[in-house]
Amino acid sequence: MTDAPPDRAQRSSTIRSPLDFAGGLFLLAIAAVGYAGAFTLPFGQLSGIGSGLMPKVVAVLVATFGVALVLQGLAIGGDRLERWAVRGPLLVLAAVLVFAFTIRLLGLVVAGPLCFIVSALADRDTRPVEVIVSATVATLACGFLFKDLLNLPIPFDPMSILWPLHGPYDALKVALKGLVMGGR
């Protein structure tokens, strides 16, 4: 009994692993966008690094991995590229846009949970209670970190939505700040 010959598409294609090849092309595209974004920033010298050093170096490293994946896709057999689901990436992008459009006007108290809820819609298996608990904890943690510890000018509650909870929330912030800062 002889082995069946590989199908015609496999024999004629120079790409042996379409998944790796596509992943490598994607990394090369990300690297090109990153390098183009940092192109006008000064690279600096060894005595004083410039603001463009880190993004350009990261872009070159990402491009290196992209080239390695493209070569691997040409040389080593692997998985084929499957059909993409559009729902997840679109809803995650929508969550980022919702956050960007609501953070200044409504503050982190509204923008944070909205971002969580929209991004949770990307997965069909999410449970509403988990989303609400995660959104609440992450929003309060982000507010504490960015507003209180790092002193960044992020609007937290400009509409005073949490005014009934300000007392307990402020007490929790003071306790956490004392714990994190060590009495400073």
C-alpha atoms as a PDB file:
ATOM      1  CA  MET A   1       0.000   0.000   0.000  1.00  0.00           C
ATOM      2  CA  THR A   2       1.408   3.383  -0.958  1.00  0.00           C
ATOM      3  CA  ASP A   3       0.969   6.665   0.745  1.00  0.00           C
ATOM      4  CA  ALA A   4      -1.422   9.059  -0.926  1.00  0.00           C
ATOM      5  CA  PRO A   5       0.352  11.992  -2.522  1.00  0.00           C
ATOM      6  CA  PRO A   6      -0.155  15.367  -0.849  1.00  0.00           C
ATOM      7  CA  ASP A   7      -2.878  17.481  -2.360  1.00  0.00           C
ATOM      8  CA  ARG A   8      -2.034  19.808  -5.200  1.00  0.00           C
ATOM      9  CA  ALA A   9      -2.223  23.018  -3.131  1.00  0.00           C
ATOM     10  CA  GLN A  10       0.423  21.763  -0.724  1.00  0.00           C
ATOM     11  CA  ARG A  11       2.821  20.715  -3.489  1.00  0.00           C
ATOM     12  CA  SER A  12       2.630  23.951  -5.453  1.00  0.00           C
ATOM     13  CA  SER A  13       2.720  26.394  -2.523  1.00  0.00           C
ATOM     14  CA  THR A  14       6.025  27.762  -1.265  1.00  0.00           C
ATOM     15  CA  ILE A  15       4.371  28.641   2.037  1.00  0.00           C
ATOM     16  CA  ARG A  16       4.497  25.543   4.217  1.00  0.00           C
ATOM     17  CA  SER A  17       2.893  27.098   7.304  1.00  0.00           C
ATOM     18  CA  PRO A  18       0.358  29.786   6.368  1.00  0.00           C
ATOM     19  CA  LEU A  19      -0.349  30.558  10.029  1.00  0.00           C
ATOM     20  CA  ASP A  20       3.294  31.344  10.816  1.00  0.00           C
ATOM     21  CA  PHE A  21       3.685  33.244   7.561  1.00  0.00           C
ATOM     22  CA  ALA A  22       0.625  35.431   8.249  1.00  0.00           C
ATOM     23  CA  GLY A  23       1.758  35.988  11.851  1.00  0.00           C
ATOM     24  CA  GLY A  24       5.159  37.107  10.626  1.00  0.00           C
ATOM     25  CA  LEU A  25       3.615  39.524   8.135  1.00  0.00           C
ATOM     26  CA  PHE A  26       1.410  40.912  10.903  1.00  0.00           C
ATOM     27  CA  LEU A  27       4.441  41.479  13.154  1.00  0.00           C
ATOM     28  CA  LEU A  28       6.273  43.179  10.281  1.00  0.00           C
ATOM     29  CA  ALA A  29       3.286  45.504   9.768  1.00  0.00           C
ATOM     30  CA  ILE A  30       3.185  46.364  13.485  1.00  0.00           C
ATOM     31  CA  ALA A  31       6.936  47.025  13.462  1.00  0.00           C
ATOM     32  CA  ALA A  32       6.620  49.293  10.432  1.00  0.00           C
ATOM     33  CA  VAL A  33       3.857  51.326  12.065  1.00  0.00           C
ATOM     34  CA  GLY A  34       5.840  51.563  15.320  1.00  0.00           C
ATOM     35  CA  TYR A  35       9.023  52.639  13.581  1.00  0.00           C
ATOM     36  CA  ALA A  36       7.166  55.147  11.413  1.00  0.00           C
ATOM     37  CA  GLY A  37       5.563  56.632  14.526  1.00  0.00           C
ATOM     38  CA  ALA A  38       8.950  57.053  16.177  1.00  0.00           C
ATOM     39  CA  PHE A  39      10.798  58.118  13.029  1.00  0.00           C
ATOM     40  CA  THR A  40      10.989  61.816  13.883  1.00  0.00           C
ATOM     41  CA  LEU A  41      11.978  61.226  17.519  1.00  0.00           C
ATOM     42  CA  PRO A  42      15.682  61.628  18.333  1.00  0.00           C
ATOM     43  CA  PHE A  43      17.556  58.363  18.820  1.00  0.00           C
ATOM     44  CA  GLY A  44      20.191  59.905  21.069  1.00  0.00           C
ATOM     45  CA  GLN A  45      23.656  58.653  21.918  1.00  0.00           C
ATOM     46  CA  LEU A  46      25.124  56.378  24.543  1.00  0.00           C
ATOM     47  CA  SER A  47      25.782  59.356  26.813  1.00  0.00           C
ATOM     48  CA  GLY A  48      22.167  60.504  26.599  1.00  0.00           C
ATOM     49  CA  ILE A  49      19.450  58.382  25.107  1.00  0.00           C
ATOM     50  CA  GLY A  50      16.700  60.097  23.181  1.00  0.00           C
ATOM     51  CA  SER A  51      12.965  59.619  23.286  1.00  0.00           C
ATOM     52  CA  GLY A  52      13.065  57.613  20.041  1.00  0.00           C
ATOM     53  CA  LEU A  53      15.465  54.933  21.266  1.00  0.00           C
ATOM     54  CA  MET A  54      12.977  52.644  22.977  1.00  0.00           C
ATOM     55  CA  PRO A  55      10.222  52.649  20.324  1.00  0.00           C
ATOM     56  CA  LYS A  56      12.720  52.171  17.498  1.00  0.00           C
ATOM     57  CA  VAL A  57      14.542  49.332  19.255  1.00  0.00           C
ATOM     58  CA  VAL A  58      11.246  47.610  20.087  1.00  0.00           C
ATOM     59  CA  ALA A  59      10.100  48.029  16.467  1.00  0.00           C
ATOM     60  CA  VAL A  60      13.336  46.452  15.208  1.00  0.00           C
ATOM     61  CA  LEU A  61      12.973  43.546  17.658  1.00  0.00           C
ATOM     62  CA  VAL A  62       9.354  42.968  16.609  1.00  0.00           C
ATOM     63  CA  ALA A  63      10.445  43.077  12.952  1.00  0.00           C
ATOM     64  CA  THR A  64      13.187  40.535  13.709  1.00  0.00           C
ATOM     65  CA  PHE A  65      10.638  38.147  15.166  1.00  0.00           C
ATOM     66  CA  GLY A  66       8.385  38.831  12.179  1.00  0.00           C
ATOM     67  CA  VAL A  67      11.143  37.902   9.728  1.00  0.00           C
ATOM     68  CA  ALA A  68      11.865  34.762  11.766  1.00  0.00           C
ATOM     69  CA  LEU A  69       8.200  33.757  11.600  1.00  0.00           C
ATOM     70  CA  VAL A  70       7.999  34.425   7.867  1.00  0.00           C
ATOM     71  CA  LEU A  71      11.099  32.270   7.267  1.00  0.00           C
ATOM     72  CA  GLN A  72       9.693  29.561   9.523  1.00  0.00           C
ATOM     73  CA  GLY A  73       6.435  29.667   7.557  1.00  0.00           C
ATOM     74  CA  LEU A  74       8.397  29.139   4.348  1.00  0.00           C
ATOM     75  CA  ALA A  75      10.694  26.397   5.656  1.00  0.00           C
ATOM     76  CA  ILE A  76       8.790  24.343   8.219  1.00  0.00           C
ATOM     77  CA  GLY A  77       5.350  22.830   7.761  1.00  0.00           C
ATOM     78  CA  GLY A  78       2.670  23.918  10.164  1.00  0.00           C
ATOM     79  CA  ASP A  79      -0.936  24.851  10.686  1.00  0.00           C
ATOM     80  CA  ARG A  80      -3.030  26.451   8.022  1.00  0.00           C
ATOM     81  CA  LEU A  81      -4.644  29.817   8.492  1.00  0.00           C
ATOM     82  CA  GLU A  82      -8.202  29.458   9.726  1.00  0.00           C
ATOM     83  CA  ARG A  83     -11.138  31.768   9.226  1.00  0.00           C
ATOM     84  CA  TRP A  84     -11.098  34.760  11.553  1.00  0.00           C
ATOM     85  CA  ALA A  85     -13.890  35.714  13.880  1.00  0.00           C
ATOM     86  CA  VAL A  86     -14.608  39.416  13.604  1.00  0.00           C
ATOM     87  CA  ARG A  87     -16.727  39.836  16.725  1.00  0.00           C
ATOM     88  CA  GLY A  88     -13.904  39.806  19.290  1.00  0.00           C
ATOM     89  CA  PRO A  89     -11.503  42.295  17.718  1.00  0.00           C
ATOM     90  CA  LEU A  90     -14.296  44.688  16.738  1.00  0.00           C
ATOM     91  CA  LEU A  91     -15.796  44.758  20.229  1.00  0.00           C
ATOM     92  CA  VAL A  92     -12.404  45.216  21.876  1.00  0.00           C
ATOM     93  CA  LEU A  93     -11.728  48.121  19.517  1.00  0.00           C
ATOM     94  CA  ALA A  94     -15.192  49.475  20.316  1.00  0.00           C
ATOM     95  CA  ALA A  95     -14.388  49.261  24.041  1.00  0.00           C
ATOM     96  CA  VAL A  96     -11.250  51.338  23.536  1.00  0.00           C
ATOM     97  CA  LEU A  97     -13.238  53.930  21.566  1.00  0.00           C
ATOM     98  CA  VAL A  98     -16.011  54.029  24.203  1.00  0.00           C
ATOM     99  CA  PHE A  99     -13.392  54.655  26.875  1.00  0.00           C
ATOM    100  CA  ALA A 100     -11.717  57.383  24.821  1.00  0.00           C
ATOM    101  CA  PHE A 101     -14.985  59.205  24.158  1.00  0.00           C
ATOM    102  CA  THR A 102     -16.353  58.973  27.719  1.00  0.00           C
ATOM    103  CA  ILE A 103     -13.349  59.456  30.023  1.00  0.00           C
ATOM    104  CA  ARG A 104     -13.206  63.266  29.873  1.00  0.00           C
ATOM    105  CA  LEU A 105     -16.911  63.973  30.120  1.00  0.00           C
ATOM    106  CA  LEU A 106     -18.148  61.205  32.414  1.00  0.00           C
ATOM    107  CA  GLY A 107     -14.948  60.280  34.248  1.00  0.00           C
ATOM    108  CA  LEU A 108     -13.369  56.963  35.113  1.00  0.00           C
ATOM    109  CA  VAL A 109     -16.365  55.938  37.225  1.00  0.00           C
ATOM    110  CA  VAL A 110     -18.476  55.604  34.069  1.00  0.00           C
ATOM    111  CA  ALA A 111     -15.837  55.048  31.357  1.00  0.00           C
ATOM    112  CA  GLY A 112     -14.118  52.154  33.151  1.00  0.00           C
ATOM    113  CA  PRO A 113     -17.163  49.920  33.623  1.00  0.00           C
ATOM    114  CA  LEU A 114     -18.486  50.789  30.148  1.00  0.00           C
ATOM    115  CA  CYS A 115     -15.172  49.713  28.658  1.00  0.00           C
ATOM    116  CA  PHE A 116     -15.342  46.423  30.587  1.00  0.00           C
ATOM    117  CA  ILE A 117     -18.925  45.729  29.569  1.00  0.00           C
ATOM    118  CA  VAL A 118     -18.347  46.394  25.859  1.00  0.00           C
ATOM    119  CA  SER A 119     -15.168  44.295  25.801  1.00  0.00           C
ATOM    120  CA  ALA A 120     -16.930  41.485  27.694  1.00  0.00           C
ATOM    121  CA  LEU A 121     -19.433  41.256  24.846  1.00  0.00           C
ATOM    122  CA  ALA A 122     -16.574  39.975  22.678  1.00  0.00           C
ATOM    123  CA  ASP A 123     -16.793  36.598  24.397  1.00  0.00           C
ATOM    124  CA  ARG A 124     -20.054  34.686  24.318  1.00  0.00           C
ATOM    125  CA  ASP A 125     -19.230  32.842  27.547  1.00  0.00           C
ATOM    126  CA  THR A 126     -18.943  35.843  29.889  1.00  0.00           C
ATOM    127  CA  ARG A 127     -21.258  36.032  32.857  1.00  0.00           C
ATOM    128  CA  PRO A 128     -22.783  39.381  33.824  1.00  0.00           C
ATOM    129  CA  VAL A 129     -21.992  39.107  37.550  1.00  0.00           C
ATOM    130  CA  GLU A 130     -18.310  38.463  36.845  1.00  0.00           C
ATOM    131  CA  VAL A 131     -18.178  41.403  34.444  1.00  0.00           C
ATOM    132  CA  ILE A 132     -19.778  43.782  36.942  1.00  0.00           C
ATOM    133  CA  VAL A 133     -17.521  42.700  39.819  1.00  0.00           C
ATOM    134  CA  SER A 134     -14.386  42.859  37.650  1.00  0.00           C
ATOM    135  CA  ALA A 135     -15.363  46.244  36.222  1.00  0.00           C
ATOM    136  CA  THR A 136     -16.010  47.691  39.677  1.00  0.00           C
ATOM    137  CA  VAL A 137     -12.797  46.394  41.230  1.00  0.00           C
ATOM    138  CA  ALA A 138     -10.651  47.401  38.250  1.00  0.00           C
ATOM    139  CA  THR A 139     -12.209  50.878  38.071  1.00  0.00           C
ATOM    140  CA  LEU A 140     -11.636  51.554  41.759  1.00  0.00           C
ATOM    141  CA  ALA A 141      -8.095  50.160  41.549  1.00  0.00           C
ATOM    142  CA  CYS A 142      -7.314  52.323  38.501  1.00  0.00           C
ATOM    143  CA  GLY A 143      -8.771  55.374  40.196  1.00  0.00           C
ATOM    144  CA  PHE A 144      -6.642  54.763  43.274  1.00  0.00           C
ATOM    145  CA  LEU A 145      -3.497  54.072  41.273  1.00  0.00           C
ATOM    146  CA  PHE A 146      -3.683  56.849  38.703  1.00  0.00           C
ATOM    147  CA  LYS A 147      -5.493  59.555  40.652  1.00  0.00           C
ATOM    148  CA  ASP A 148      -4.157  59.088  44.180  1.00  0.00           C
ATOM    149  CA  LEU A 149      -0.809  57.289  43.991  1.00  0.00           C
ATOM    150  CA  LEU A 150       0.518  58.730  40.724  1.00  0.00           C
ATOM    151  CA  ASN A 151      -1.345  62.064  41.003  1.00  0.00           C
ATOM    152  CA  LEU A 152      -2.359  62.059  37.328  1.00  0.00           C
ATOM    153  CA  PRO A 153      -5.053  64.506  36.258  1.00  0.00           C
ATOM    154  CA  ILE A 154      -7.649  61.882  35.330  1.00  0.00           C
ATOM    155  CA  PRO A 155     -11.286  62.836  35.894  1.00  0.00           C
ATOM    156  CA  PHE A 156     -12.516  60.208  38.322  1.00  0.00           C
ATOM    157  CA  ASP A 157     -16.054  61.257  39.239  1.00  0.00           C
ATOM    158  CA  PRO A 158     -16.850  64.660  37.709  1.00  0.00           C
ATOM    159  CA  MET A 159     -20.616  64.092  37.872  1.00  0.00           C
ATOM    160  CA  SER A 160     -20.536  63.022  41.570  1.00  0.00           C
ATOM    161  CA  ILE A 161     -22.112  59.662  40.832  1.00  0.00           C
ATOM    162  CA  LEU A 162     -20.399  58.127  43.858  1.00  0.00           C
ATOM    163  CA  TRP A 163     -21.272  60.936  46.281  1.00  0.00           C
ATOM    164  CA  PRO A 164     -23.124  58.566  48.678  1.00  0.00           C
ATOM    165  CA  LEU A 165     -20.017  56.368  48.798  1.00  0.00           C
ATOM    166  CA  HIS A 166     -17.373  59.089  49.114  1.00  0.00           C
ATOM    167  CA  GLY A 167     -16.966  58.578  52.876  1.00  0.00           C
ATOM    168  CA  PRO A 168     -16.190  54.837  52.756  1.00  0.00           C
ATOM    169  CA  TYR A 169     -14.224  55.229  49.516  1.00  0.00           C
ATOM    170  CA  ASP A 170     -12.060  58.002  50.993  1.00  0.00           C
ATOM    171  CA  ALA A 171     -11.443  55.920  54.141  1.00  0.00           C
ATOM    172  CA  LEU A 172     -10.398  52.954  51.987  1.00  0.00           C
ATOM    173  CA  LYS A 173      -8.084  55.205  49.936  1.00  0.00           C
ATOM    174  CA  VAL A 174      -6.400  56.550  53.078  1.00  0.00           C
ATOM    175  CA  ALA A 175      -5.897  53.019  54.429  1.00  0.00           C
ATOM    176  CA  LEU A 176      -4.518  51.727  51.124  1.00  0.00           C
ATOM    177  CA  LYS A 177      -2.304  54.763  50.678  1.00  0.00           C
ATOM    178  CA  GLY A 178      -0.859  54.219  54.158  1.00  0.00           C
ATOM    179  CA  LEU A 179      -0.287  50.556  53.359  1.00  0.00           C
ATOM    180  CA  VAL A 180       1.327  51.216  49.971  1.00  0.00           C
ATOM    181  CA  MET A 181       3.341  54.277  50.925  1.00  0.00           C
ATOM    182  CA  GLY A 182       4.440  52.812  54.270  1.00  0.00           C
ATOM    183  CA  GLY A 183       3.511  55.828  56.406  1.00  0.00           C
ATOM    184  CA  ARG A 184       5.176  58.450  54.185  1.00  0.00           C
END
